[in-house]
């Protein structure tokens, strides 16, 4: 049985979902990652409030690249880009520091996971869509400014170096496809994460410190013994880049878009050599600007006891789109054994 893709799409059709996603993610990263880090460093004597104040006096209040003009869609897109930059910046200031032993439980204490007294309050998100976008623009400016102040204070004290930050930024830029593999590997070993991923994809991947990218929602389609999923973007090339990396060249081709919708089973066999049993249902998911899809492939047999990093080596871009199965364990073992 084959379920066809949904109708074509153009731009943001559901701005509410995008704005709501930015509101939720922005407050998550502020209250769960950035501000607890500031409090933790201060409480441990790594940075003083005066170190932060000195750094703040040298930094402009408005973050570079700030844009609060243009159409509503352009402003939402700018917010999504700014959110990604914010998340990546938090990862930079969360690097291990010399002479300071840092464990994740320290941050959990500071953010109030164990004691409600320490929980950081979140603002309400009331008003019209325009009012909420304007409020988000102001909040993102403020939160990004604090992040830049913290980064500068760490540089001033010699706890981070410009060279280390540059190297980490370069490493982050190449993590797209590996991010997708990490998501799948975590779902294979952690049932609670898998359940959250299938029901609230965007929220679930926060646990892996992955920037969300330009999407209102992340759809995750699980392959089973009776169902195989495949992803397409029938109009353009909508794809969760930050989660999965750059899409393969054929994903953008008209040949793939047209044929996978008309004859998904035959196209998988003809173009990719993936022959599926006749009794297996093939379901096509059309990625849009509002909901972008990825496939959760089946875990290969013979991988019992493998670590998450080892399992991630089995995941390919093709398997994340649904045109191939993950690598066989023997293939990965052969690569590791090769001189």
Protein backbone atom coordinates (compact mmCIF):
# COMPACT_ATOMS: atom_id res chain seq x y z
CA UNK A 1 0.00 0.00 0.00
CA UNK A 2 1.31 3.46 -0.88
CA UNK A 3 0.21 6.77 0.63
CA UNK A 4 0.86 9.74 -1.71
CA UNK A 5 2.56 12.95 -0.67
CA UNK A 6 0.50 15.94 0.34
CA UNK A 7 -0.01 18.99 -1.84
CA UNK A 8 2.76 21.39 -2.82
CA UNK A 9 3.70 24.38 -0.72
CA UNK A 10 5.34 27.75 -1.02
CA UNK A 11 6.31 29.91 1.94
CA UNK A 12 5.42 29.87 5.62
CA UNK A 13 1.79 28.80 5.69
CA UNK A 14 1.54 28.51 9.46
CA UNK A 15 3.49 31.43 11.00
CA UNK A 16 1.94 30.68 14.39
CA UNK A 17 3.82 27.37 14.63
CA UNK A 18 7.13 29.04 13.74
CA UNK A 19 6.67 31.85 16.26
CA UNK A 20 5.57 29.44 18.99
CA UNK A 21 8.64 27.26 18.31
CA UNK A 22 10.99 30.24 18.59
CA UNK A 23 9.30 31.36 21.82
CA UNK A 24 9.68 27.92 23.40
CA UNK A 25 13.24 27.29 22.21
CA UNK A 26 14.53 30.76 23.06
CA UNK A 27 13.33 30.47 26.65
CA UNK A 28 14.61 26.91 26.94
CA UNK A 29 18.14 27.85 25.97
CA UNK A 30 18.10 30.96 28.18
CA UNK A 31 16.73 29.33 31.33
CA UNK A 32 18.23 25.86 30.93
CA UNK A 33 21.62 26.60 29.38
CA UNK A 34 22.88 30.20 29.33
CA UNK A 35 21.83 31.87 32.59
CA UNK A 36 22.52 28.78 34.75
CA UNK A 37 26.00 28.78 33.23
CA UNK A 38 26.49 32.42 34.26
CA UNK A 39 25.31 31.71 37.81
CA UNK A 40 27.45 28.58 38.02
CA UNK A 41 30.65 30.35 36.94
CA UNK A 42 29.99 33.19 39.36
CA UNK A 43 29.15 30.92 42.30
CA UNK A 44 32.31 28.86 41.73
CA UNK A 45 34.48 31.99 41.57
CA UNK A 46 35.47 31.44 37.94
CA UNK A 47 33.97 34.79 36.89
CA UNK A 48 32.82 37.64 39.09
CA UNK A 49 29.95 39.99 38.38
CA UNK A 50 32.56 42.70 37.97
CA UNK A 51 34.26 40.69 35.21
CA UNK A 52 30.93 40.67 33.39
CA UNK A 53 30.31 44.37 33.98
CA UNK A 54 33.75 45.27 32.65
CA UNK A 55 33.15 43.22 29.50
CA UNK A 56 29.69 44.76 29.10
CA UNK A 57 31.02 48.32 29.02
CA UNK A 58 32.98 47.54 25.85
CA UNK A 59 30.24 45.82 23.87
CA UNK A 60 27.46 47.54 21.89
CA UNK A 61 23.95 46.83 23.10
CA UNK A 62 22.53 45.80 19.70
CA UNK A 63 23.83 42.51 18.38
CA UNK A 64 25.37 42.46 14.89
CA UNK A 65 22.95 41.42 12.17
CA UNK A 66 19.89 42.54 14.09
CA UNK A 67 16.92 43.00 11.78
CA UNK A 68 13.45 44.02 12.92
CA UNK A 69 12.16 45.37 9.61
CA UNK A 70 10.67 43.75 6.52
CA UNK A 71 7.69 41.49 6.03
CA UNK A 72 6.42 39.32 8.86
CA UNK A 73 7.83 36.22 7.19
CA UNK A 74 11.25 37.83 6.77
CA UNK A 75 11.25 38.81 10.43
CA UNK A 76 10.31 35.28 11.51
CA UNK A 77 13.09 33.86 9.34
CA UNK A 78 15.54 36.35 10.87
CA UNK A 79 14.44 35.23 14.35
CA UNK A 80 15.06 31.59 13.43
CA UNK A 81 18.53 32.43 12.12
CA UNK A 82 19.25 34.47 15.25
CA UNK A 83 18.07 31.61 17.45
CA UNK A 84 20.47 29.21 15.73
CA UNK A 85 23.35 31.62 16.22
CA UNK A 86 22.35 31.99 19.87
CA UNK A 87 22.32 28.21 20.43
CA UNK A 88 25.73 27.79 18.78
CA UNK A 89 27.11 30.60 20.92
CA UNK A 90 25.89 28.93 24.10
CA UNK A 91 27.72 25.77 23.05
CA UNK A 92 30.93 27.81 22.76
CA UNK A 93 30.71 29.25 26.28
CA UNK A 94 29.87 25.77 27.61
CA UNK A 95 33.25 24.32 26.61
CA UNK A 96 35.38 22.81 29.36
CA UNK A 97 37.55 25.44 31.03
CA UNK A 98 41.15 24.90 32.19
CA UNK A 99 41.42 24.06 35.86
CA UNK A 100 37.67 23.79 36.32
CA UNK A 101 35.92 20.44 36.64
CA UNK A 102 32.45 20.83 35.16
CA UNK A 103 29.69 18.20 35.28
CA UNK A 104 26.18 18.43 33.87
CA UNK A 105 24.63 17.97 37.31
CA UNK A 106 26.05 21.35 38.37
CA UNK A 107 23.92 23.10 35.76
CA UNK A 108 20.87 21.08 36.71
CA UNK A 109 21.17 22.35 40.26
CA UNK A 110 21.62 25.96 39.15
CA UNK A 111 18.58 25.91 36.88
CA UNK A 112 16.29 24.53 39.57
CA UNK A 113 15.80 20.95 38.44
CA UNK A 114 16.08 19.82 42.06
CA UNK A 115 14.93 22.92 43.91
CA UNK A 116 12.13 25.14 42.61
CA UNK A 117 13.66 28.13 44.43
CA UNK A 118 16.36 28.31 41.74
CA UNK A 119 14.06 28.02 38.73
CA UNK A 120 14.31 30.95 36.33
CA UNK A 121 10.96 32.49 35.40
CA UNK A 122 9.82 32.76 31.81
CA UNK A 123 7.82 35.61 30.23
CA UNK A 124 4.29 35.18 28.93
CA UNK A 125 3.67 35.04 25.19
CA UNK A 126 0.46 37.00 24.82
CA UNK A 127 -0.72 39.40 22.13
CA UNK A 128 -1.07 39.39 18.38
CA UNK A 129 1.43 37.64 16.14
CA UNK A 130 3.02 41.00 15.26
CA UNK A 131 3.34 41.91 18.95
CA UNK A 132 4.89 38.54 19.77
CA UNK A 133 7.40 38.83 16.93
CA UNK A 134 8.40 42.32 18.09
CA UNK A 135 8.80 41.03 21.65
CA UNK A 136 10.94 38.13 20.44
CA UNK A 137 13.18 40.51 18.50
CA UNK A 138 13.77 42.53 21.66
CA UNK A 139 14.34 39.45 23.79
CA UNK A 140 16.76 37.92 21.30
CA UNK A 141 18.76 41.17 21.25
CA UNK A 142 18.97 41.17 25.06
CA UNK A 143 19.77 37.48 25.42
CA UNK A 144 22.39 37.60 22.66
CA UNK A 145 24.00 40.61 24.31
CA UNK A 146 24.39 38.72 27.59
CA UNK A 147 25.89 35.80 25.67
CA UNK A 148 28.41 38.10 24.02
CA UNK A 149 29.26 39.68 27.38
CA UNK A 150 29.90 36.24 28.89
CA UNK A 151 32.04 35.21 25.91
CA UNK A 152 34.10 38.41 26.15
CA UNK A 153 34.59 37.98 29.91
CA UNK A 154 35.88 34.42 29.37
CA UNK A 155 38.28 35.71 26.71
CA UNK A 156 39.45 38.57 28.94
CA UNK A 157 40.27 36.17 31.78
CA UNK A 158 42.11 33.80 29.44
CA UNK A 159 39.66 30.97 30.11
CA UNK A 160 38.88 30.73 26.41
CA UNK A 161 41.02 31.73 23.44
CA UNK A 162 39.99 33.16 20.10
CA UNK A 163 41.75 30.23 18.42
CA UNK A 164 39.77 27.66 20.38
CA UNK A 165 36.50 29.44 19.64
CA UNK A 166 37.32 29.57 15.92
CA UNK A 167 38.19 25.87 15.87
CA UNK A 168 34.96 24.97 17.66
CA UNK A 169 32.89 27.12 15.28
CA UNK A 170 34.45 25.27 12.34
CA UNK A 171 33.69 21.93 13.96
CA UNK A 172 30.07 22.97 14.54
CA UNK A 173 29.70 23.99 10.88
CA UNK A 174 30.46 20.45 9.75
CA UNK A 175 28.17 18.63 12.17
CA UNK A 176 24.98 18.57 10.10
CA UNK A 177 24.91 14.97 8.91
CA UNK A 178 26.48 13.77 12.16
CA UNK A 179 23.72 15.53 14.11
CA UNK A 180 21.14 13.41 12.30
CA UNK A 181 23.12 10.28 13.07
CA UNK A 182 23.30 11.25 16.75
CA UNK A 183 19.52 11.72 16.86
CA UNK A 184 18.90 8.26 15.43
CA UNK A 185 21.50 6.57 17.63
CA UNK A 186 20.02 8.12 20.78
CA UNK A 187 16.53 6.95 19.73
CA UNK A 188 17.85 3.41 19.22
CA UNK A 189 19.19 3.16 22.77
CA UNK A 190 16.83 5.42 24.74
CA UNK A 191 13.10 4.52 24.58
CA UNK A 192 12.04 7.70 26.40
CA UNK A 193 13.96 9.88 23.95
CA UNK A 194 12.50 7.93 21.03
CA UNK A 195 8.95 8.47 22.26
CA UNK A 196 9.60 12.19 22.68
CA UNK A 197 11.24 12.37 19.24
CA UNK A 198 8.24 10.80 17.51
CA UNK A 199 5.71 13.04 19.27
CA UNK A 200 7.64 16.31 19.77
CA UNK A 201 10.65 16.13 17.51
CA UNK A 202 11.92 19.67 17.81
CA UNK A 203 11.70 19.69 21.58
CA UNK A 204 13.35 16.27 21.93
CA UNK A 205 16.56 17.15 20.11
CA UNK A 206 17.27 19.96 22.59
CA UNK A 207 18.81 17.26 24.80
CA UNK A 208 21.55 16.86 22.19
CA UNK A 209 22.34 20.62 22.00
CA UNK A 210 21.52 20.77 18.29
CA UNK A 211 20.35 24.09 16.77
CA UNK A 212 16.75 23.69 15.53
CA UNK A 213 17.10 25.46 12.17
CA UNK A 214 14.28 26.99 10.15
CA UNK A 215 11.34 24.81 11.00
CA UNK A 216 8.11 25.22 12.87
CA UNK A 217 7.88 21.50 13.57
CA UNK A 218 10.09 18.47 13.06
CA UNK A 219 8.23 15.42 11.80
CA UNK A 220 9.88 12.06 12.49
CA UNK A 221 8.62 8.99 10.63
CA UNK A 222 9.61 5.64 12.11
CA UNK A 223 10.35 2.67 9.86
CA UNK A 224 9.00 -0.65 11.10
CA UNK A 225 8.80 -4.23 9.88
CA UNK A 226 5.58 -3.34 8.01
CA UNK A 227 6.11 0.34 7.10
CA UNK A 228 8.83 2.17 5.19
CA UNK A 229 8.91 5.97 5.05
CA UNK A 230 10.53 8.26 2.51
CA UNK A 231 10.85 12.06 2.43
CA UNK A 232 10.51 14.50 -0.46
CA UNK A 233 9.96 18.21 -0.96
CA UNK A 234 7.70 18.46 -3.98
CA UNK A 235 8.01 22.20 -4.50
CA UNK A 236 11.58 23.16 -3.64
CA UNK A 237 14.11 21.57 -1.28
CA UNK A 238 12.74 22.04 2.25
CA UNK A 239 14.97 20.06 4.56
CA UNK A 240 16.12 20.32 8.22
CA UNK A 241 19.70 21.35 7.31
CA UNK A 242 20.99 21.90 10.85
CA UNK A 243 19.60 18.58 11.98
CA UNK A 244 20.64 16.45 9.01
CA UNK A 245 23.21 18.41 7.00
CA UNK A 246 22.89 19.41 3.36
CA UNK A 247 20.45 17.31 1.28
CA UNK A 248 21.91 15.09 -1.44
CA UNK A 249 21.95 16.49 -4.98
CA UNK A 250 19.22 14.12 -6.15
CA UNK A 251 16.86 15.39 -3.41
CA UNK A 252 16.67 18.67 -5.36
CA UNK A 253 16.10 17.02 -8.75
CA UNK A 254 12.73 17.05 -10.52
CA UNK A 255 13.22 13.39 -11.43
CA UNK A 256 13.27 12.34 -7.79
CA UNK A 257 10.40 14.64 -6.77
CA UNK A 258 8.08 13.47 -9.52
CA UNK A 259 8.88 9.78 -9.49
CA UNK A 260 8.92 9.23 -5.71
CA UNK A 261 5.37 10.62 -5.49
CA UNK A 262 3.96 8.68 -8.48
CA UNK A 263 5.71 5.37 -7.82
CA UNK A 264 7.63 5.33 -4.53
CA UNK A 265 8.22 1.58 -4.39
CA UNK A 266 9.45 1.40 -7.96
CA UNK A 267 11.56 4.56 -7.61
CA UNK A 268 13.33 3.23 -4.54
CA UNK A 269 14.22 0.05 -6.42
CA UNK A 270 15.06 1.73 -9.72
CA UNK A 271 17.08 4.74 -8.54
CA UNK A 272 18.51 3.49 -5.26
CA UNK A 273 18.53 -0.29 -5.44
CA UNK A 274 16.26 -0.58 -2.40
CA UNK A 275 13.78 -3.41 -2.97
CA UNK A 276 11.04 -3.62 -0.37
CA UNK A 277 8.69 -6.57 0.27
CA UNK A 278 5.34 -6.29 -1.50
CA UNK A 279 3.45 -6.50 1.78
CA UNK A 280 5.34 -3.53 3.24
CA UNK A 281 3.53 -0.19 3.10
CA UNK A 282 5.50 2.72 1.60
CA UNK A 283 4.55 6.16 2.89
CA UNK A 284 5.77 9.43 1.36
CA UNK A 285 6.12 12.57 3.51
CA UNK A 286 6.26 16.00 1.88
CA UNK A 287 8.51 18.40 3.78
CA UNK A 288 7.29 21.97 3.94
CA UNK A 289 8.44 25.23 5.48
CA UNK A 290 6.16 24.44 8.42
CA UNK A 291 6.89 20.74 8.98
CA UNK A 292 10.16 19.20 7.88
CA UNK A 293 10.56 15.46 7.98
CA UNK A 294 13.27 12.94 8.75
CA UNK A 295 13.13 9.15 8.83
CA UNK A 296 13.98 7.10 11.89
CA UNK A 297 15.39 3.93 10.27
CA UNK A 298 15.28 0.51 11.88
CA UNK A 299 18.26 -0.46 14.00
CA UNK A 300 20.35 -3.11 12.23
CA UNK A 301 20.56 -6.54 13.81
CA UNK A 302 23.84 -7.53 15.41
CA UNK A 303 24.43 -4.18 17.13
CA UNK A 304 23.55 -5.21 20.66
CA UNK A 305 25.89 -3.57 23.16
CA UNK A 306 27.11 -0.92 20.70
CA UNK A 307 27.66 2.60 22.04
CA UNK A 308 25.75 5.59 20.67
CA UNK A 309 28.82 6.78 18.79
CA UNK A 310 29.30 3.37 17.20
CA UNK A 311 25.63 3.21 16.23
CA UNK A 312 25.79 6.70 14.71
CA UNK A 313 28.41 5.40 12.26
CA UNK A 314 25.69 3.21 10.72
CA UNK A 315 23.44 6.16 9.83
CA UNK A 316 23.71 7.82 6.41
CA UNK A 317 22.00 10.79 4.78
CA UNK A 318 20.22 8.34 2.49
CA UNK A 319 18.79 6.39 5.44
CA UNK A 320 17.64 9.66 7.07
CA UNK A 321 15.65 10.47 3.93
CA UNK A 322 14.42 6.90 3.55
CA UNK A 323 15.96 5.85 0.24
CA UNK A 324 18.35 3.38 1.88
CA UNK A 325 18.78 1.25 4.96
CA UNK A 326 21.52 2.07 7.48
CA UNK A 327 24.96 0.61 6.91
CA UNK A 328 25.48 -3.01 7.87
CA UNK A 329 27.50 -3.52 11.07
CA UNK A 330 30.04 -5.55 9.09
CA UNK A 331 30.73 -2.57 6.83
CA UNK A 332 31.55 -0.32 9.77
CA UNK A 333 33.74 -2.98 11.35
CA UNK A 334 35.65 -3.41 8.07
CA UNK A 335 36.27 0.34 7.88
CA UNK A 336 37.56 0.41 11.43
CA UNK A 337 39.89 -2.51 10.76
CA UNK A 338 41.25 -1.06 7.49
CA UNK A 339 44.83 0.34 7.76
